[in-house]
Protein backbone atom coordinates (compact mmCIF):
# COMPACT_ATOMS: atom_id res chain seq x y z
CA MET A 1 -165.40 13.47 79.51
CA SER A 2 -167.60 15.78 77.45
CA THR A 3 -167.77 15.56 73.68
CA LYS A 4 -169.00 18.58 71.80
CA LYS A 5 -171.10 17.74 68.77
CA ILE A 6 -169.88 19.38 65.60
CA ALA A 7 -172.64 21.17 63.71
CA HIS A 8 -172.93 23.05 60.47
CA VAL A 9 -175.78 25.32 59.43
CA LEU A 10 -176.24 25.59 55.68
CA GLY A 11 -175.70 29.16 54.55
CA ASP A 12 -176.47 28.88 50.82
CA ALA A 13 -179.87 30.56 50.44
CA GLU A 14 -180.43 29.05 46.99
CA GLN A 15 -179.83 25.51 48.30
CA ILE A 16 -182.03 26.17 51.34
CA GLU A 17 -184.85 27.29 49.06
CA ALA A 18 -184.48 24.25 46.79
CA ILE A 19 -184.41 21.84 49.73
CA THR A 20 -187.39 23.54 51.36
CA LYS A 21 -189.42 23.24 48.13
CA ARG A 22 -188.57 19.55 47.88
CA VAL A 23 -189.57 18.92 51.51
CA LYS A 24 -192.86 20.78 51.02
CA ARG A 25 -193.52 18.73 47.89
CA ALA A 26 -192.90 15.55 49.88
CA GLN A 27 -195.24 16.83 52.59
CA GLY A 28 -197.98 17.27 49.99
CA GLN A 29 -197.31 13.82 48.56
CA LEU A 30 -197.53 12.31 52.03
CA GLY A 31 -200.89 14.01 52.54
CA ALA A 32 -202.01 12.45 49.27
CA VAL A 33 -200.99 9.02 50.58
CA ALA A 34 -203.16 9.51 53.67
CA ARG A 35 -206.13 10.55 51.50
CA MET A 36 -205.60 7.59 49.18
CA LEU A 37 -205.64 5.22 52.15
CA GLU A 38 -208.82 6.81 53.51
CA GLU A 39 -210.44 6.60 50.07
CA GLY A 40 -209.59 2.90 49.74
CA ARG A 41 -207.42 3.35 46.65
CA ASN A 42 -205.51 0.37 45.31
CA CYS A 43 -202.17 -0.67 46.77
CA ASP A 44 -200.19 -0.11 43.57
CA GLU A 45 -201.16 3.57 43.43
CA ILE A 46 -200.45 4.07 47.13
CA VAL A 47 -197.04 2.38 46.99
CA THR A 48 -196.11 4.42 43.92
CA GLN A 49 -196.99 7.61 45.79
CA MET A 50 -195.10 6.45 48.88
CA SER A 51 -192.07 5.78 46.70
CA ALA A 52 -192.25 9.35 45.41
CA VAL A 53 -192.37 10.65 48.99
CA SER A 54 -189.36 8.56 49.95
CA LYS A 55 -187.35 9.71 46.94
CA ALA A 56 -188.19 13.37 47.59
CA VAL A 57 -187.17 13.17 51.25
CA ASN A 58 -183.95 11.29 50.49
CA THR A 59 -183.02 13.72 47.72
CA ALA A 60 -183.61 16.65 50.07
CA ALA A 61 -181.43 15.03 52.73
CA PHE A 62 -178.61 14.22 50.30
CA THR A 63 -178.76 17.74 48.88
CA LEU A 64 -178.56 19.23 52.37
CA ILE A 65 -175.60 17.08 53.34
CA SER A 66 -173.69 17.59 50.10
CA ALA A 67 -174.24 21.37 50.12
CA SER A 68 -173.09 21.51 53.74
CA LEU A 69 -170.05 19.40 52.95
CA LYS A 70 -169.16 21.69 50.06
CA GLU A 71 -169.43 24.75 52.30
CA CYS A 72 -167.21 23.16 54.94
CA ILE A 73 -164.54 22.29 52.40
CA VAL A 74 -164.65 25.71 50.71
CA GLU A 75 -164.62 27.61 54.00
CA SER A 76 -161.63 25.58 55.28
CA LYS A 77 -162.68 26.04 58.89
CA SER A 78 -160.32 24.91 61.60
CA ASN A 79 -162.79 22.14 62.48
CA SER A 80 -163.59 21.23 58.86
CA ASP A 81 -162.22 17.70 59.27
CA ALA A 82 -164.58 17.06 62.17
CA VAL A 83 -167.53 18.61 60.32
CA THR A 84 -166.69 16.59 57.21
CA ALA A 85 -166.60 13.40 59.27
CA GLN A 86 -169.98 14.25 60.81
CA LEU A 87 -171.52 14.92 57.39
CA GLN A 88 -170.09 11.67 56.00
CA LYS A 89 -171.72 9.89 58.94
CA LEU A 90 -175.03 11.51 57.96
CA PHE A 91 -174.58 10.31 54.36
CA LEU A 92 -174.13 6.77 55.64
CA SER A 93 -177.23 7.03 57.83
CA LEU A 94 -179.27 7.48 54.64
CA ALA A 95 -177.72 4.51 52.86
C-alpha cells in the first residue's frame, strides 16, 4: 500500500522573502559562533549567540508553517484537511 505525502509550497512572496532574510541572518549568526569558538571567546557569549541562532531558525520555521497553513485554509483545496494535518505535525516537531 502506497501513501502519497501531502506537500504544500508557500506561494506568498512577501512571507518567502521574510523567512529567507531570517534564515540568512541565522546563517550569519552561526558563522559568528564558529569564529567565536576558534577565537577562544567565553562560553557566556557563545551560548548567547547560539541562542539567537536557535530563536531565528525556530521563528523562520514557525512562520513558514503558519503561512502555509493559512494558505491551505484560505485556498480550501480538496486536500486541505490532509495538508493541515501535515502542517500541524510539523508544528509539533518544533515543540
